[in-house]
């Protein structure tokens, strides 16, 4: 079974290769020598090094106290999540799944072997608690692909103890710098090994070209959303907080981009891809919608006076939520392992590499991009006006839900436009987000009432009182009516603010 460890560490290099005395670092009472460990790690990647390109490392290591398979994902500067699995001859399936969005159908191969002699010290406080582990690693790197290649170096690594204060790393670094030690130019041992063992001079990836044309700006936004889907895949598989929602938003942003910028991207080509993104968003939504409803209904039950709660309402809600989560979770993992999903990722890569650009894509960006945002905004306006002419009920609910979806599309189009249009686009993003939230509260009320009717029927069939479900249903209905009453004035303010676009 894999386990996850949050790793906060910094790497340094020194011409001398030794470790300065750290006993003078504030808060460090003792530096304890823990001896030398001999580590032997084989790093795996695709032939075109897709994991390394994403700063993801996958290794099988023997020696030391944590022998096994280690998969590391970057979280922030100096911070990575290390997922560990027991030592086996072949890559464990749960780790293989976590790199699938990047690897796809490509084979994982041994690419580099690192053998290290690790001289370890523990930094302790006055009570003998571990503050950090400092090691001097003498590394021998061997490339296992192509013509091979070898490299040797010595580096200093400082890793914060679990639950430690990151400020300690700054104090240690200050002491190291005074001794002439400098931060490593490489983000990891693997990155340095790939650089130094490559046949000939290893070419660093070129920075992305600054967007110039309308097509450039749209493609830059598309690329960001594609990358988000790929990078969020492991977090969704691990059931990380908010990961499903974030991945769903990225799929929606991509799909909206295809629809909003139909004069820049050929919709005959993007249309089928948009359909697949809609499918993926729908699958992601099964679990996300449950999360939103559960939070809303749980909060609503907590607000009901105790004397008005009839029957095991909270218990039944918990059972309903758990059952929904279990079935949706299993289905979603199946989706992420499916041929259809992996094909979609390949299709997005190909689309971005060879985009179906139309004539307007080559134009100066301001005019065609502003035109697309205004067009989406007008669609929202028409739906809000139409809803105002309808009586409260199902028809109005449907139109308001459509208005919310169009508001999201307008928001995403305006996000694309921000680098081009500046403040006017930023104002549209802000106003559409506010409208989206207001209409989202209305739609959540619609969905909550549907769930409450289902829960009421189940409770009644079990011989329980349905009184509390009816009470909650009435409160949700009143909540929706308040939103509908607030909307006209809210929309007038948005229209006035959008005049500058």
Protein backbone atom coordinates (compact mmCIF):
# COMPACT_ATOMS: atom_id res chain seq x y z
CA UNK A 1 0.00 0.00 0.00
CA UNK A 2 1.40 3.40 -1.00
CA UNK A 3 1.86 6.16 1.59
CA UNK A 4 2.38 9.88 1.05
CA UNK A 5 4.97 12.07 2.73
CA UNK A 6 5.23 15.85 2.31
CA UNK A 7 8.91 16.57 1.66
CA UNK A 8 10.33 20.05 2.30
CA UNK A 9 13.99 20.24 1.42
CA UNK A 10 16.72 22.33 -0.18
CA UNK A 11 19.82 21.25 -2.08
CA UNK A 12 23.21 22.93 -2.16
CA UNK A 13 26.57 22.56 -3.83
CA UNK A 14 30.01 23.50 -2.62
CA UNK A 15 33.39 23.61 -4.27
CA UNK A 16 34.85 22.09 -1.12
CA UNK A 17 32.13 19.45 -0.78
CA UNK A 18 32.20 19.47 3.02
CA UNK A 19 29.53 20.42 5.56
CA UNK A 20 30.10 23.58 7.60
CA UNK A 21 29.56 23.52 11.36
CA UNK A 22 25.82 24.03 12.01
CA UNK A 23 25.87 24.13 15.80
CA UNK A 24 25.60 27.92 15.71
CA UNK A 25 22.25 27.91 13.87
CA UNK A 26 19.51 29.48 16.02
CA UNK A 27 17.35 26.80 17.64
CA UNK A 28 19.80 23.96 16.94
CA UNK A 29 21.14 22.56 20.21
CA UNK A 30 23.00 19.55 18.81
CA UNK A 31 24.24 18.08 15.54
CA UNK A 32 24.29 14.28 15.73
CA UNK A 33 26.24 12.13 13.28
CA UNK A 34 24.03 9.24 12.10
CA UNK A 35 26.61 7.52 9.91
CA UNK A 36 26.77 6.79 6.17
CA UNK A 37 24.01 5.09 4.15
CA UNK A 38 24.63 3.55 0.74
CA UNK A 39 21.73 4.22 -1.65
CA UNK A 40 21.16 2.72 -5.09
CA UNK A 41 18.30 4.22 -7.10
CA UNK A 42 17.11 3.52 -10.63
CA UNK A 43 14.94 6.26 -12.15
CA UNK A 44 12.24 5.38 -14.67
CA UNK A 45 10.75 7.53 -17.40
CA UNK A 46 9.51 7.34 -20.97
CA UNK A 47 12.01 7.40 -23.83
CA UNK A 48 11.20 11.09 -24.42
CA UNK A 49 11.46 11.85 -20.67
CA UNK A 50 7.89 13.05 -20.12
CA UNK A 51 8.08 12.73 -16.34
CA UNK A 52 11.30 14.72 -16.11
CA UNK A 53 9.77 17.44 -18.29
CA UNK A 54 7.07 17.83 -15.61
CA UNK A 55 9.61 17.68 -12.73
CA UNK A 56 8.08 14.35 -11.68
CA UNK A 57 10.47 11.63 -10.54
CA UNK A 58 9.88 7.89 -10.28
CA UNK A 59 12.55 5.67 -8.77
CA UNK A 60 13.19 2.24 -7.29
CA UNK A 61 15.71 2.56 -4.47
CA UNK A 62 17.51 0.13 -2.22
CA UNK A 63 19.50 0.99 0.87
CA UNK A 64 18.62 3.44 3.63
CA UNK A 65 15.57 3.39 5.85
CA UNK A 66 13.00 3.95 3.09
CA UNK A 67 13.89 1.40 0.41
CA UNK A 68 11.11 0.96 -2.13
CA UNK A 69 9.41 2.79 -4.99
CA UNK A 70 9.20 6.57 -4.69
CA UNK A 71 7.08 8.85 -6.86
CA UNK A 72 7.54 12.60 -6.34
CA UNK A 73 5.27 15.43 -7.49
CA UNK A 74 6.25 19.10 -7.23
CA UNK A 75 3.92 21.14 -5.02
CA UNK A 76 5.78 24.43 -4.60
CA UNK A 77 9.41 25.59 -4.53
CA UNK A 78 11.31 23.25 -2.18
CA UNK A 79 8.12 21.23 -1.56
CA UNK A 80 7.19 17.86 -3.04
CA UNK A 81 4.81 15.05 -2.22
CA UNK A 82 6.63 11.73 -2.11
CA UNK A 83 4.41 8.68 -2.56
CA UNK A 84 6.08 5.50 -1.38
CA UNK A 85 5.35 1.87 -2.12
CA UNK A 86 7.12 -1.28 -0.90
CA UNK A 87 10.13 -2.63 -2.76
CA UNK A 88 9.07 -4.94 -5.59
CA UNK A 89 10.63 -6.03 -8.87
CA UNK A 90 8.00 -4.26 -10.97
CA UNK A 91 6.28 -0.90 -10.64
CA UNK A 92 3.22 -1.16 -8.33
CA UNK A 93 -0.06 -0.54 -10.14
CA UNK A 94 -1.16 2.27 -7.82
CA UNK A 95 1.95 4.26 -8.70
CA UNK A 96 1.62 3.41 -12.39
CA UNK A 97 -1.90 4.87 -12.31
CA UNK A 98 -0.61 8.16 -10.89
CA UNK A 99 1.67 8.78 -13.90
CA UNK A 100 -0.77 7.52 -16.53
CA UNK A 101 -1.97 10.97 -17.62
CA UNK A 102 1.62 11.82 -18.54
CA UNK A 103 2.88 8.44 -19.72
CA UNK A 104 -0.27 7.27 -21.60
CA UNK A 105 0.61 4.11 -23.55
CA UNK A 106 4.37 4.69 -23.57
CA UNK A 107 6.67 2.25 -21.82
CA UNK A 108 8.45 3.26 -18.63
CA UNK A 109 12.16 2.50 -18.95
CA UNK A 110 15.15 2.70 -16.60
CA UNK A 111 16.86 5.95 -17.65
CA UNK A 112 19.35 6.80 -14.91
CA UNK A 113 21.02 4.97 -12.04
CA UNK A 114 22.22 7.00 -9.05
CA UNK A 115 24.47 5.47 -6.41
CA UNK A 116 24.98 7.72 -3.42
CA UNK A 117 27.01 7.58 -0.22
CA UNK A 118 24.90 9.63 2.17
CA UNK A 119 26.64 11.02 5.26
CA UNK A 120 23.76 11.97 7.57
CA UNK A 121 23.48 14.43 10.48
CA UNK A 122 20.42 15.17 12.58
CA UNK A 123 19.77 18.69 13.84
CA UNK A 124 18.13 18.50 17.27
CA UNK A 125 16.56 21.09 19.56
CA UNK A 126 17.23 21.42 23.31
CA UNK A 127 14.68 18.67 24.06
CA UNK A 128 16.28 16.25 21.61
CA UNK A 129 13.53 16.61 19.00
CA UNK A 130 14.50 16.26 15.35
CA UNK A 131 14.41 19.59 13.51
CA UNK A 132 15.96 18.60 10.20
CA UNK A 133 18.15 16.02 8.53
CA UNK A 134 21.27 17.25 6.78
CA UNK A 135 23.24 14.99 4.49
CA UNK A 136 26.33 15.20 2.35
CA UNK A 137 25.67 13.03 -0.71
CA UNK A 138 28.49 11.80 -2.89
CA UNK A 139 26.71 10.83 -6.09
CA UNK A 140 27.69 8.65 -9.04
CA UNK A 141 25.23 8.98 -11.93
CA UNK A 142 25.01 6.57 -14.84
CA UNK A 143 22.76 7.07 -17.85
CA UNK A 144 21.09 3.79 -18.87
CA UNK A 145 19.84 4.87 -22.31
CA UNK A 146 21.53 5.81 -25.56
CA UNK A 147 25.29 5.76 -25.43
CA UNK A 148 25.24 6.15 -21.70
CA UNK A 149 27.33 8.58 -19.76
CA UNK A 150 28.65 9.10 -16.24
CA UNK A 151 28.90 11.98 -13.81
CA UNK A 152 30.03 12.50 -10.22
CA UNK A 153 29.32 15.29 -7.77
CA UNK A 154 28.82 16.06 -4.11
CA UNK A 155 25.82 17.95 -2.78
CA UNK A 156 24.35 18.97 0.55
CA UNK A 157 20.69 18.29 1.24
CA UNK A 158 18.67 19.78 4.10
CA UNK A 159 15.26 18.18 4.73
CA UNK A 160 12.85 19.57 7.29
CA UNK A 161 11.51 17.10 9.85
CA UNK A 162 7.80 16.26 9.73
CA UNK A 163 5.85 19.14 11.22
CA UNK A 164 8.94 21.33 11.39
CA UNK A 165 9.06 25.10 10.98
CA UNK A 166 10.14 26.07 7.43
CA UNK A 167 11.86 29.15 8.91
CA UNK A 168 14.59 26.79 10.09
CA UNK A 169 15.61 26.18 6.49
CA UNK A 170 16.28 29.92 6.06
CA UNK A 171 18.47 29.92 9.16
CA UNK A 172 20.44 26.90 7.98
CA UNK A 173 20.81 28.41 4.51
CA UNK A 174 22.17 31.64 5.97
CA UNK A 175 24.86 29.65 7.77
CA UNK A 176 25.67 27.62 4.64
CA UNK A 177 25.98 30.72 2.47
CA UNK A 178 28.39 32.31 4.93
CA UNK A 179 30.55 29.21 4.50
CA UNK A 180 30.53 29.57 0.72
CA UNK A 181 27.86 26.96 0.03
CA UNK A 182 25.39 27.94 -2.70
CA UNK A 183 21.94 26.65 -3.70
CA UNK A 184 22.04 23.91 -6.29
CA UNK A 185 21.42 24.95 -9.88
CA UNK A 186 19.41 21.73 -10.41
CA UNK A 187 15.98 21.06 -8.94
CA UNK A 188 16.81 17.42 -8.21
CA UNK A 189 19.52 14.82 -8.49
CA UNK A 190 17.76 13.36 -11.52
CA UNK A 191 17.67 16.72 -13.30
CA UNK A 192 21.40 17.13 -12.75
CA UNK A 193 22.11 13.56 -13.83
CA UNK A 194 20.15 13.97 -17.06
CA UNK A 195 21.98 17.21 -17.77
CA UNK A 196 25.48 15.91 -17.07
CA UNK A 197 25.22 12.44 -18.61
CA UNK A 198 23.53 13.43 -21.87
CA UNK A 199 25.56 12.73 -25.00
CA UNK A 200 26.81 16.11 -26.16
CA UNK A 201 25.42 19.28 -24.67
CA UNK A 202 21.90 18.83 -23.36
CA UNK A 203 19.60 21.44 -24.82
CA UNK A 204 17.34 23.14 -22.33
CA UNK A 205 13.71 23.62 -23.31
CA UNK A 206 13.07 26.95 -24.98
CA UNK A 207 10.79 29.37 -23.17
CA UNK A 208 7.36 29.77 -24.62
CA UNK A 209 7.10 32.54 -27.19
CA UNK A 210 5.23 35.60 -25.98
CA UNK A 211 1.71 35.66 -27.49
CA UNK A 212 1.41 38.11 -30.38
CA UNK A 213 -1.61 37.23 -32.52
CA UNK A 214 -5.17 36.43 -31.52
CA UNK A 215 -4.42 32.76 -32.16
CA UNK A 216 -1.38 32.92 -29.87
CA UNK A 217 -3.48 34.16 -26.96
CA UNK A 218 -6.18 31.55 -27.41
CA UNK A 219 -3.61 28.77 -27.71
CA UNK A 220 -1.80 29.96 -24.57
CA UNK A 221 -5.07 29.68 -22.62
CA UNK A 222 -5.79 26.26 -24.12
CA UNK A 223 -2.32 25.04 -23.22
CA UNK A 224 -2.75 26.13 -19.60
CA UNK A 225 -6.03 24.20 -19.28
CA UNK A 226 -4.64 21.08 -20.96
CA UNK A 227 -1.69 21.13 -18.56
CA UNK A 228 -4.05 21.55 -15.61
CA UNK A 229 -6.02 18.43 -16.57
CA UNK A 230 -2.85 16.34 -16.88
CA UNK A 231 -1.36 17.65 -13.64
CA UNK A 232 -4.58 17.26 -11.63
CA UNK A 233 -5.10 13.65 -12.71
CA UNK A 234 -2.91 12.16 -9.92
CA UNK A 235 -4.58 14.37 -7.30
CA UNK A 236 -8.04 13.20 -8.45
CA UNK A 237 -6.91 9.58 -8.23
CA UNK A 238 -5.69 10.23 -4.68
CA UNK A 239 -8.98 11.96 -3.79
CA UNK A 240 -7.15 15.19 -2.86
CA UNK A 241 -9.32 18.04 -1.65
CA UNK A 242 -10.89 20.16 -4.42
CA UNK A 243 -9.02 18.22 -7.13
CA UNK A 244 -12.15 16.92 -8.86
CA UNK A 245 -13.67 20.38 -8.98
CA UNK A 246 -10.46 21.94 -10.32
CA UNK A 247 -10.11 19.33 -13.04
CA UNK A 248 -13.74 19.78 -14.03
CA UNK A 249 -13.25 23.54 -14.29
CA UNK A 250 -10.23 23.01 -16.57
CA UNK A 251 -12.28 20.82 -18.91
CA UNK A 252 -15.04 23.42 -18.97
CA UNK A 253 -12.59 26.22 -19.70
CA UNK A 254 -11.20 24.30 -22.66
CA UNK A 255 -14.63 23.48 -24.03
CA UNK A 256 -15.77 27.07 -23.60
CA UNK A 257 -12.70 28.30 -25.45
CA UNK A 258 -13.64 26.21 -28.48
CA UNK A 259 -17.15 27.66 -28.44
CA UNK A 260 -16.27 31.29 -27.70
CA UNK A 261 -13.50 31.62 -30.27
CA UNK A 262 -15.14 29.95 -33.23
CA UNK A 263 -13.77 32.65 -35.54
CA UNK A 264 -10.22 31.81 -34.47
CA UNK A 265 -10.42 28.00 -34.15
CA UNK A 266 -12.23 25.86 -36.71
CA UNK A 267 -15.22 24.41 -34.86
CA UNK A 268 -15.51 21.61 -37.40
CA UNK A 269 -12.31 20.30 -35.83
CA UNK A 270 -12.80 21.38 -32.22
CA UNK A 271 -16.47 20.33 -32.03
CA UNK A 272 -15.84 16.60 -31.54
CA UNK A 273 -13.15 17.38 -28.96
CA UNK A 274 -15.59 19.66 -27.13
CA UNK A 275 -18.06 16.76 -27.01
CA UNK A 276 -15.44 14.56 -25.35
CA UNK A 277 -14.62 17.31 -22.86
CA UNK A 278 -18.33 17.56 -22.03
CA UNK A 279 -18.35 13.82 -21.36
CA UNK A 280 -15.33 14.11 -19.06
CA UNK A 281 -16.81 17.09 -17.19
CA UNK A 282 -20.01 15.10 -16.70
CA UNK A 283 -18.13 12.17 -15.21
CA UNK A 284 -16.20 14.48 -12.90
CA UNK A 285 -19.44 16.19 -11.93
CA UNK A 286 -21.01 13.05 -10.50
CA UNK A 287 -18.74 13.26 -7.47
CA UNK A 288 -18.49 17.04 -7.32
CA UNK A 289 -22.27 17.55 -7.35
CA UNK A 290 -22.54 15.12 -4.43
CA UNK A 291 -19.96 17.11 -2.47
CA UNK A 292 -21.81 20.39 -3.00
CA UNK A 293 -25.20 18.92 -2.12
CA UNK A 294 -23.87 17.16 0.97
CA UNK A 295 -22.29 20.36 2.31
CA UNK A 296 -25.46 22.34 1.64
CA UNK A 297 -27.87 19.83 3.15
CA UNK A 298 -25.68 19.12 6.18
CA UNK A 299 -25.48 22.83 6.92
CA UNK A 300 -29.23 23.16 6.45
CA UNK A 301 -29.95 20.33 8.91
CA UNK A 302 -27.60 21.91 11.47
CA UNK A 303 -29.65 25.13 11.26
CA UNK A 304 -32.95 23.39 12.08
CA UNK A 305 -33.98 23.67 15.77
CA UNK A 306 -33.65 20.34 17.53
CA UNK A 307 -37.39 20.09 18.25
CA UNK A 308 -38.10 20.30 14.49
CA UNK A 309 -35.78 17.46 13.51
CA UNK A 310 -38.05 14.41 13.26
CA UNK A 311 -36.37 11.06 12.70
CA UNK A 312 -32.74 10.14 11.88
CA UNK A 313 -32.31 12.91 9.30
CA UNK A 314 -28.55 13.46 9.75
CA UNK A 315 -27.86 9.72 9.75
CA UNK A 316 -29.90 9.16 6.59
CA UNK A 317 -28.16 12.08 4.87
CA UNK A 318 -24.76 10.64 5.79
CA UNK A 319 -25.72 7.21 4.44
CA UNK A 320 -27.01 8.74 1.21
CA UNK A 321 -23.85 10.80 0.80
CA UNK A 322 -21.50 7.88 1.49
CA UNK A 323 -23.30 5.61 -0.93
CA UNK A 324 -23.27 8.25 -3.64
CA UNK A 325 -19.59 8.97 -3.06
CA UNK A 326 -18.59 5.31 -3.18
CA UNK A 327 -20.31 4.60 -6.48
CA UNK A 328 -19.19 7.87 -8.10
CA UNK A 329 -15.60 7.39 -6.92
CA UNK A 330 -15.30 3.91 -8.38
CA UNK A 331 -16.79 5.04 -11.67
CA UNK A 332 -14.45 8.04 -11.90
CA UNK A 333 -11.33 5.92 -11.39
CA UNK A 334 -12.54 3.68 -14.19
CA UNK A 335 -12.95 6.73 -16.43
CA UNK A 336 -9.38 7.88 -15.75
CA UNK A 337 -8.05 4.47 -16.75
CA UNK A 338 -10.23 4.24 -19.85
CA UNK A 339 -9.03 4.28 -23.44
CA UNK A 340 -11.51 7.07 -24.16
CA UNK A 341 -9.97 9.41 -21.59
CA UNK A 342 -6.36 8.71 -22.60
CA UNK A 343 -7.31 9.21 -26.25
CA UNK A 344 -8.80 12.58 -25.31
CA UNK A 345 -5.50 13.63 -23.74
CA UNK A 346 -3.63 12.57 -26.88
CA UNK A 347 -6.14 14.49 -29.01
CA UNK A 348 -5.64 17.66 -26.96
CA UNK A 349 -1.88 17.37 -27.37
CA UNK A 350 -2.25 17.01 -31.13
CA UNK A 351 -4.75 19.88 -31.32
CA UNK A 352 -2.41 22.26 -29.51
CA UNK A 353 0.62 21.11 -31.51
CA UNK A 354 -1.21 21.61 -34.82
CA UNK A 355 -4.17 23.95 -34.12
CA UNK A 356 -6.98 24.43 -36.69
CA UNK A 357 -6.49 28.18 -36.94
CA UNK A 358 -8.75 30.35 -39.09
CA UNK A 359 -7.97 33.66 -40.77
CA UNK A 360 -8.77 35.77 -37.69
CA UNK A 361 -6.12 33.89 -35.71
CA UNK A 362 -3.36 35.81 -37.50
CA UNK A 363 -4.85 39.22 -36.66
CA UNK A 364 -3.82 41.65 -33.96
CA UNK A 365 -5.64 40.20 -30.93
CA UNK A 366 -7.71 43.08 -29.53
CA UNK A 367 -10.53 43.19 -32.08
CA UNK A 368 -11.35 39.46 -32.57
CA UNK A 369 -10.95 38.61 -28.88
CA UNK A 370 -13.07 41.53 -27.67
CA UNK A 371 -15.71 40.60 -30.25
CA UNK A 372 -15.91 37.06 -28.86
CA UNK A 373 -16.32 38.29 -25.28
CA UNK A 374 -19.06 40.76 -26.26
CA UNK A 375 -20.90 38.02 -28.15
CA UNK A 376 -20.91 35.74 -25.10
CA UNK A 377 -21.99 38.61 -22.86
CA UNK A 378 -25.00 39.33 -25.08
CA UNK A 379 -26.10 35.70 -24.78
CA UNK A 380 -26.09 35.98 -21.01
CA UNK A 381 -28.08 39.19 -21.21
CA UNK A 382 -30.79 37.63 -23.40
CA UNK A 383 -31.22 34.71 -21.01
CA UNK A 384 -31.48 36.98 -17.94
CA UNK A 385 -34.13 39.06 -19.71
CA UNK A 386 -36.00 35.95 -20.79
CA UNK A 387 -36.01 34.57 -17.23
CA UNK A 388 -37.50 37.86 -15.99
CA UNK A 389 -40.52 37.33 -18.24
CA UNK A 390 -41.24 33.84 -16.82
CA UNK A 391 -43.16 32.90 -13.71
CA UNK A 392 -41.26 31.15 -10.90
CA UNK A 393 -41.09 27.42 -11.61
CA UNK A 394 -39.38 24.82 -13.73
CA UNK A 395 -39.18 26.88 -16.93
CA UNK A 396 -37.52 29.78 -15.15
CA UNK A 397 -35.17 27.40 -13.33
CA UNK A 398 -34.00 25.96 -16.65
CA UNK A 399 -33.38 29.39 -18.20
CA UNK A 400 -31.47 30.61 -15.15
CA UNK A 401 -29.33 27.49 -15.22
CA UNK A 402 -28.58 28.17 -18.90
CA UNK A 403 -27.69 31.76 -17.99
CA UNK A 404 -25.26 30.48 -15.38
CA UNK A 405 -23.54 28.26 -17.93
CA UNK A 406 -23.27 31.16 -20.38
CA UNK A 407 -21.90 33.36 -17.59
CA UNK A 408 -19.14 30.81 -17.04
CA UNK A 409 -18.33 30.80 -20.75
CA UNK A 410 -18.18 34.60 -20.79
CA UNK A 411 -15.93 34.56 -17.74
CA UNK A 412 -13.52 32.11 -19.36
CA UNK A 413 -13.48 34.11 -22.61
CA UNK A 414 -12.69 37.22 -20.58
CA UNK A 415 -9.87 35.36 -18.81
CA UNK A 416 -8.36 34.68 -22.24
CA UNK A 417 -8.81 38.36 -23.06
CA UNK A 418 -7.18 39.76 -19.89
CA UNK A 419 -3.61 39.90 -21.31
CA UNK A 420 -5.02 41.76 -24.35
CA UNK A 421 -7.80 43.99 -23.00
CA UNK A 422 -6.57 44.55 -19.45
CA UNK A 423 -8.94 46.15 -16.92
CA UNK A 424 -12.20 45.87 -18.95
CA UNK A 425 -11.69 42.11 -19.34
CA UNK A 426 -10.74 41.78 -15.69
CA UNK A 427 -13.96 43.57 -14.74
CA UNK A 428 -15.97 41.12 -16.85
CA UNK A 429 -14.24 38.19 -15.17
CA UNK A 430 -15.14 39.58 -11.76
CA UNK A 431 -18.78 40.37 -12.63
CA UNK A 432 -19.38 37.03 -14.34
CA UNK A 433 -17.93 35.20 -11.37
CA UNK A 434 -20.32 37.07 -9.07
CA UNK A 435 -23.26 36.27 -11.36
CA UNK A 436 -22.14 32.66 -11.60
CA UNK A 437 -22.11 32.42 -7.80
CA UNK A 438 -25.56 34.00 -7.46
CA UNK A 439 -27.11 31.74 -10.09
CA UNK A 440 -25.14 28.82 -8.66
CA UNK A 441 -26.91 29.31 -5.35
CA UNK A 442 -30.20 29.17 -7.23
CA UNK A 443 -29.26 25.99 -9.11
CA UNK A 444 -27.97 24.37 -5.92
CA UNK A 445 -31.39 25.07 -4.41
CA UNK A 446 -33.06 23.34 -7.36
CA UNK A 447 -30.82 20.29 -6.92
CA UNK A 448 -31.20 20.30 -3.13
CA UNK A 449 -34.99 20.23 -3.42
CA UNK A 450 -34.75 17.28 -5.78
CA UNK A 451 -32.51 15.41 -3.33
CA UNK A 452 -34.82 16.26 -0.43
CA UNK A 453 -37.80 14.83 -2.29
CA UNK A 454 -35.85 11.61 -2.87
CA UNK A 455 -34.74 11.41 0.77
CA UNK A 456 -38.27 12.13 1.94
CA UNK A 457 -39.66 9.28 -0.15
CA UNK A 458 -37.05 6.85 1.20
CA UNK A 459 -37.70 7.96 4.79
CA UNK A 460 -41.46 7.64 4.35
CA UNK A 461 -41.07 4.13 2.93
CA UNK A 462 -39.00 3.21 5.99
CA UNK A 463 -41.76 4.42 8.30
CA UNK A 464 -39.92 7.59 9.32
CA UNK A 465 -41.32 11.11 9.53
CA UNK A 466 -40.85 13.21 6.39
CA UNK A 467 -41.61 16.46 8.24
CA UNK A 468 -38.03 17.78 8.41
CA UNK A 469 -37.41 17.11 4.72
CA UNK A 470 -40.51 19.13 3.89
CA UNK A 471 -39.33 21.96 6.12
CA UNK A 472 -35.93 22.00 4.41
CA UNK A 473 -37.62 21.90 1.01
CA UNK A 474 -39.68 24.98 1.84
CA UNK A 475 -36.57 26.84 3.04
CA UNK A 476 -34.74 26.01 -0.17
CA UNK A 477 -37.67 27.22 -2.23
CA UNK A 478 -37.69 30.55 -0.38
CA UNK A 479 -33.93 30.83 -0.86
CA UNK A 480 -34.33 30.45 -4.62
CA UNK A 481 -37.07 33.08 -4.71
CA UNK A 482 -34.81 35.55 -2.89
CA UNK A 483 -32.15 35.03 -5.57
CA UNK A 484 -34.71 35.63 -8.30
CA UNK A 485 -35.85 38.83 -6.59
CA UNK A 486 -32.25 40.07 -6.27
CA UNK A 487 -31.27 39.27 -9.85
CA UNK A 488 -32.77 42.25 -11.80
CA UNK A 489 -30.92 44.90 -9.78
CA UNK A 490 -27.78 42.77 -9.71
CA UNK A 491 -27.82 42.45 -13.50
CA UNK A 492 -28.38 46.16 -14.04
CA UNK A 493 -25.16 46.85 -12.14
CA UNK A 494 -23.26 44.32 -14.25
CA UNK A 495 -24.48 45.82 -17.53
CA UNK A 496 -23.42 49.30 -16.45
CA UNK A 497 -19.98 48.02 -15.53
CA UNK A 498 -19.54 46.19 -18.84
CA UNK A 499 -20.00 49.29 -20.98
CA UNK A 500 -16.23 49.80 -21.29
CA UNK A 501 -15.65 46.49 -23.06
